[in-house]
Amino acid sequence: HSLDEIWDCYHPVQLKEKTVSLLTDELNKINDFLRAGHIADAERVLAEDLQKYPDSPDLLNLNAILKLHVKDSEGAKGILFDLIKNHPAYYPAYINLARICWYSGDTENAVEYFEDALRLSNHDRSVVMAYGELLMSLKKFSKAKELFDVYLKSSGDDSEVQALLKKCEDVVEKAGKLSLIIGKQAHP
């Protein structure tokens, strides 16, 4: 018998594909528990999975999300900071840090983390949508418009982003007209 026949996980690509598939199944199971509000079940499965895959950025990120479900934002931030330290290119951690900062009123750091996520993800849709939502809530419609423009140039047809872009364009246009009116009234 050759080594390949005896040791069926010898091929790294096949092993990686099998591991990714198992991990995806586990992530889906945990997410299903969270969506159903079964926090204890999600915690149990996550703890088991972290024993098997302690360095999985996806599981660690999900652990942070679980902390948020039980109102432990400091615990979530600690996990996310460690995750970024060990996996600096893992942009979902930056998105979650940005959201934590945003929801706690720290919009300055939220913007910074969204900018990091945007750069690392090469304008991934999930980052664009979340960051655009923040910018619009801060009434930074010109910056949101720019963000949506860049995304659409590279991604093409996305009706949801196009609708947000249109909304930003309308607000920017109305603001421009209003400032012209105000300017004429101030300097007749």
Protein backbone atom coordinates (compact mmCIF):
# COMPACT_ATOMS: atom_id res chain seq x y z
CA HIS A 1 0.00 0.00 0.00
CA SER A 2 1.15 3.49 -0.82
CA LEU A 3 1.05 6.28 1.72
CA ASP A 4 -1.89 7.83 -0.17
CA GLU A 5 -3.96 4.69 0.26
CA ILE A 6 -3.15 4.27 3.95
CA TRP A 7 -3.45 7.91 4.92
CA ASP A 8 -6.52 9.30 3.17
CA CYS A 9 -6.08 12.83 4.53
CA TYR A 10 -2.60 13.15 3.04
CA HIS A 11 -3.78 15.56 0.36
CA PRO A 12 -3.89 19.00 2.02
CA VAL A 13 -6.45 20.41 -0.44
CA GLN A 14 -8.92 17.57 0.22
CA LEU A 15 -8.35 17.84 3.97
CA LYS A 16 -8.86 21.58 3.88
CA GLU A 17 -12.07 21.22 1.83
CA LYS A 18 -13.41 18.63 4.29
CA THR A 19 -12.51 20.84 7.28
CA VAL A 20 -14.07 23.93 5.67
CA SER A 21 -17.24 21.97 4.94
CA LEU A 22 -17.47 20.66 8.54
CA LEU A 23 -16.76 24.10 9.92
CA THR A 24 -19.38 25.69 7.66
CA ASP A 25 -21.95 23.17 8.90
CA GLU A 26 -21.05 23.98 12.51
CA LEU A 27 -21.19 27.75 11.88
CA ASN A 28 -24.62 27.35 10.28
CA LYS A 29 -25.83 25.27 13.24
CA ILE A 30 -24.67 27.92 15.74
CA ASN A 31 -26.21 30.74 13.69
CA ASP A 32 -29.50 28.81 13.50
CA PHE A 33 -29.52 28.49 17.31
CA LEU A 34 -28.83 32.22 17.67
CA ARG A 35 -31.59 33.18 15.24
CA ALA A 36 -34.01 30.93 17.14
CA GLY A 37 -32.96 32.50 20.44
CA HIS A 38 -31.47 29.24 21.76
CA ILE A 39 -28.42 30.88 23.35
CA ALA A 40 -27.51 27.93 25.61
CA ASP A 41 -27.46 25.54 22.64
CA ALA A 42 -25.36 27.99 20.62
CA GLU A 43 -22.91 28.34 23.53
CA ARG A 44 -22.64 24.55 23.92
CA VAL A 45 -21.97 23.87 20.23
CA LEU A 46 -19.57 26.82 19.99
CA ALA A 47 -17.58 25.63 23.02
CA GLU A 48 -17.29 22.15 21.47
CA ASP A 49 -16.22 23.60 18.13
CA LEU A 50 -13.65 25.93 19.69
CA GLN A 51 -12.08 22.84 21.30
CA LYS A 52 -11.70 21.31 17.83
CA TYR A 53 -10.79 24.52 15.94
CA PRO A 54 -9.37 26.97 18.52
CA ASP A 55 -7.77 29.24 15.91
CA SER A 56 -10.75 29.51 13.56
CA PRO A 57 -11.38 33.21 12.96
CA ASP A 58 -14.98 32.44 12.00
CA LEU A 59 -15.65 30.63 15.29
CA LEU A 60 -13.89 33.32 17.32
CA ASN A 61 -15.92 35.99 15.55
CA LEU A 62 -19.09 34.03 16.27
CA ASN A 63 -18.00 33.80 19.90
CA ALA A 64 -17.86 37.61 19.98
CA ILE A 65 -21.33 37.78 18.41
CA LEU A 66 -22.59 35.35 21.06
CA LYS A 67 -21.16 37.66 23.75
CA LEU A 68 -23.19 40.49 22.22
CA HIS A 69 -26.34 38.35 22.40
CA VAL A 70 -25.84 38.06 26.16
CA LYS A 71 -25.11 41.81 26.48
CA ASP A 72 -21.35 41.39 27.12
CA SER A 73 -19.96 43.99 24.72
CA GLU A 74 -16.67 44.27 26.65
CA GLY A 75 -16.15 40.50 26.34
CA ALA A 76 -16.98 40.73 22.64
CA LYS A 77 -14.51 43.58 22.14
CA GLY A 78 -11.77 41.60 23.90
CA ILE A 79 -12.32 38.63 21.59
CA LEU A 80 -12.37 40.89 18.52
CA PHE A 81 -9.16 42.72 19.53
CA ASP A 82 -7.41 39.35 20.01
CA LEU A 83 -8.82 38.16 16.69
CA ILE A 84 -7.46 41.22 14.88
CA LYS A 85 -4.08 40.79 16.58
CA ASN A 86 -3.84 37.14 15.44
CA HIS A 87 -5.66 37.51 12.10
CA PRO A 88 -5.13 41.14 11.00
CA ALA A 89 -6.71 40.61 7.58
CA TYR A 90 -9.96 39.11 8.96
CA TYR A 91 -12.28 41.99 8.13
CA PRO A 92 -15.52 40.69 9.76
CA ALA A 93 -13.89 41.41 13.14
CA TYR A 94 -13.47 45.06 12.12
CA ILE A 95 -17.12 45.22 11.06
CA ASN A 96 -18.26 43.91 14.43
CA LEU A 97 -15.95 46.29 16.31
CA ALA A 98 -17.32 49.14 14.21
CA ARG A 99 -20.89 48.16 15.06
CA ILE A 100 -20.10 47.91 18.79
CA CYS A 101 -18.53 51.37 18.70
CA TRP A 102 -21.41 52.79 16.65
CA TYR A 103 -24.11 51.42 18.94
CA SER A 104 -22.28 52.73 22.01
CA GLY A 105 -22.05 56.23 20.46
CA ASP A 106 -18.35 56.09 19.56
CA THR A 107 -18.83 56.99 15.90
CA GLU A 108 -15.23 58.17 15.45
CA ASN A 109 -13.83 54.69 16.13
CA ALA A 110 -16.74 53.11 14.26
CA VAL A 111 -15.74 55.04 11.13
CA GLU A 112 -12.10 54.01 11.60
CA TYR A 113 -12.97 50.30 11.93
CA PHE A 114 -15.31 50.45 8.93
CA GLU A 115 -12.51 52.09 6.90
CA ASP A 116 -10.17 49.23 7.90
CA ALA A 117 -12.80 46.64 6.95
CA LEU A 118 -13.44 48.39 3.64
CA ARG A 119 -9.73 48.41 2.76
CA LEU A 120 -9.15 44.79 3.85
CA SER A 121 -12.27 43.45 2.12
CA ASN A 122 -11.74 45.35 -1.11
CA HIS A 123 -15.21 46.90 -0.79
CA ASP A 124 -17.12 43.76 0.18
CA ARG A 125 -20.88 44.34 -0.04
CA SER A 126 -21.52 43.63 3.65
CA VAL A 127 -18.97 46.29 4.62
CA VAL A 128 -20.34 48.79 2.10
CA MET A 129 -23.90 48.31 3.34
CA ALA A 130 -23.03 48.59 7.04
CA TYR A 131 -20.66 51.52 6.59
CA GLY A 132 -23.10 53.29 4.28
CA GLU A 133 -25.82 52.87 6.89
CA LEU A 134 -23.56 54.50 9.50
CA LEU A 135 -22.62 57.38 7.20
CA MET A 136 -26.25 58.05 6.34
CA SER A 137 -27.24 57.98 10.02
CA LEU A 138 -24.52 60.60 10.62
CA LYS A 139 -25.96 62.67 7.73
CA LYS A 140 -22.73 62.23 5.75
CA PHE A 141 -24.59 61.67 2.50
CA SER A 142 -21.78 62.87 0.21
CA LYS A 143 -19.36 60.35 1.72
CA ALA A 144 -22.00 57.59 1.57
CA LYS A 145 -22.68 58.50 -2.08
CA GLU A 146 -18.97 58.19 -2.83
CA LEU A 147 -18.84 54.79 -1.06
CA PHE A 148 -21.82 53.44 -3.01
CA ASP A 149 -20.41 54.83 -6.29
CA VAL A 150 -17.08 53.04 -5.82
CA TYR A 151 -18.84 49.78 -4.96
CA LEU A 152 -21.20 49.93 -7.94
CA LYS A 153 -18.36 50.70 -10.37
CA SER A 154 -16.67 47.44 -9.44
CA SER A 155 -19.77 45.30 -8.76
CA GLY A 156 -22.21 46.38 -11.37
CA ASP A 157 -25.90 45.76 -10.86
CA ASP A 158 -27.08 45.85 -7.25
CA SER A 159 -30.54 47.36 -6.93
CA GLU A 160 -30.39 47.77 -3.15
CA VAL A 161 -27.12 49.73 -3.29
CA GLN A 162 -28.41 51.69 -6.30
CA ALA A 163 -31.48 52.72 -4.27
CA LEU A 164 -29.26 53.90 -1.41
CA LEU A 165 -27.07 55.79 -3.88
CA LYS A 166 -30.16 57.50 -5.34
CA LYS A 167 -31.32 58.48 -1.85
CA CYS A 168 -27.89 60.01 -1.13
CA GLU A 169 -27.85 61.83 -4.47
CA ASP A 170 -31.30 63.29 -3.77
CA VAL A 171 -30.27 64.52 -0.30
CA VAL A 172 -26.99 66.00 -1.61
CA GLU A 173 -28.86 67.73 -4.46
CA LYS A 174 -31.51 69.18 -2.11
CA ALA A 175 -28.80 70.34 0.30
CA GLY A 176 -26.98 72.03 -2.58
CA LYS A 177 -30.14 73.86 -3.70
CA LEU A 178 -30.91 74.87 -0.12
CA SER A 179 -27.42 76.28 0.39
CA LEU A 180 -27.79 78.31 -2.84
CA ILE A 181 -31.07 79.75 -1.59
CA ILE A 182 -29.61 80.55 1.81
CA GLY A 183 -26.54 82.06 0.14
CA LYS A 184 -28.67 84.35 -2.04
CA GLN A 185 -30.71 85.46 0.99
CA ALA A 186 -27.57 86.22 2.99
CA HIS A 187 -25.99 88.18 0.12
CA PRO A 188 -28.83 89.83 -1.87
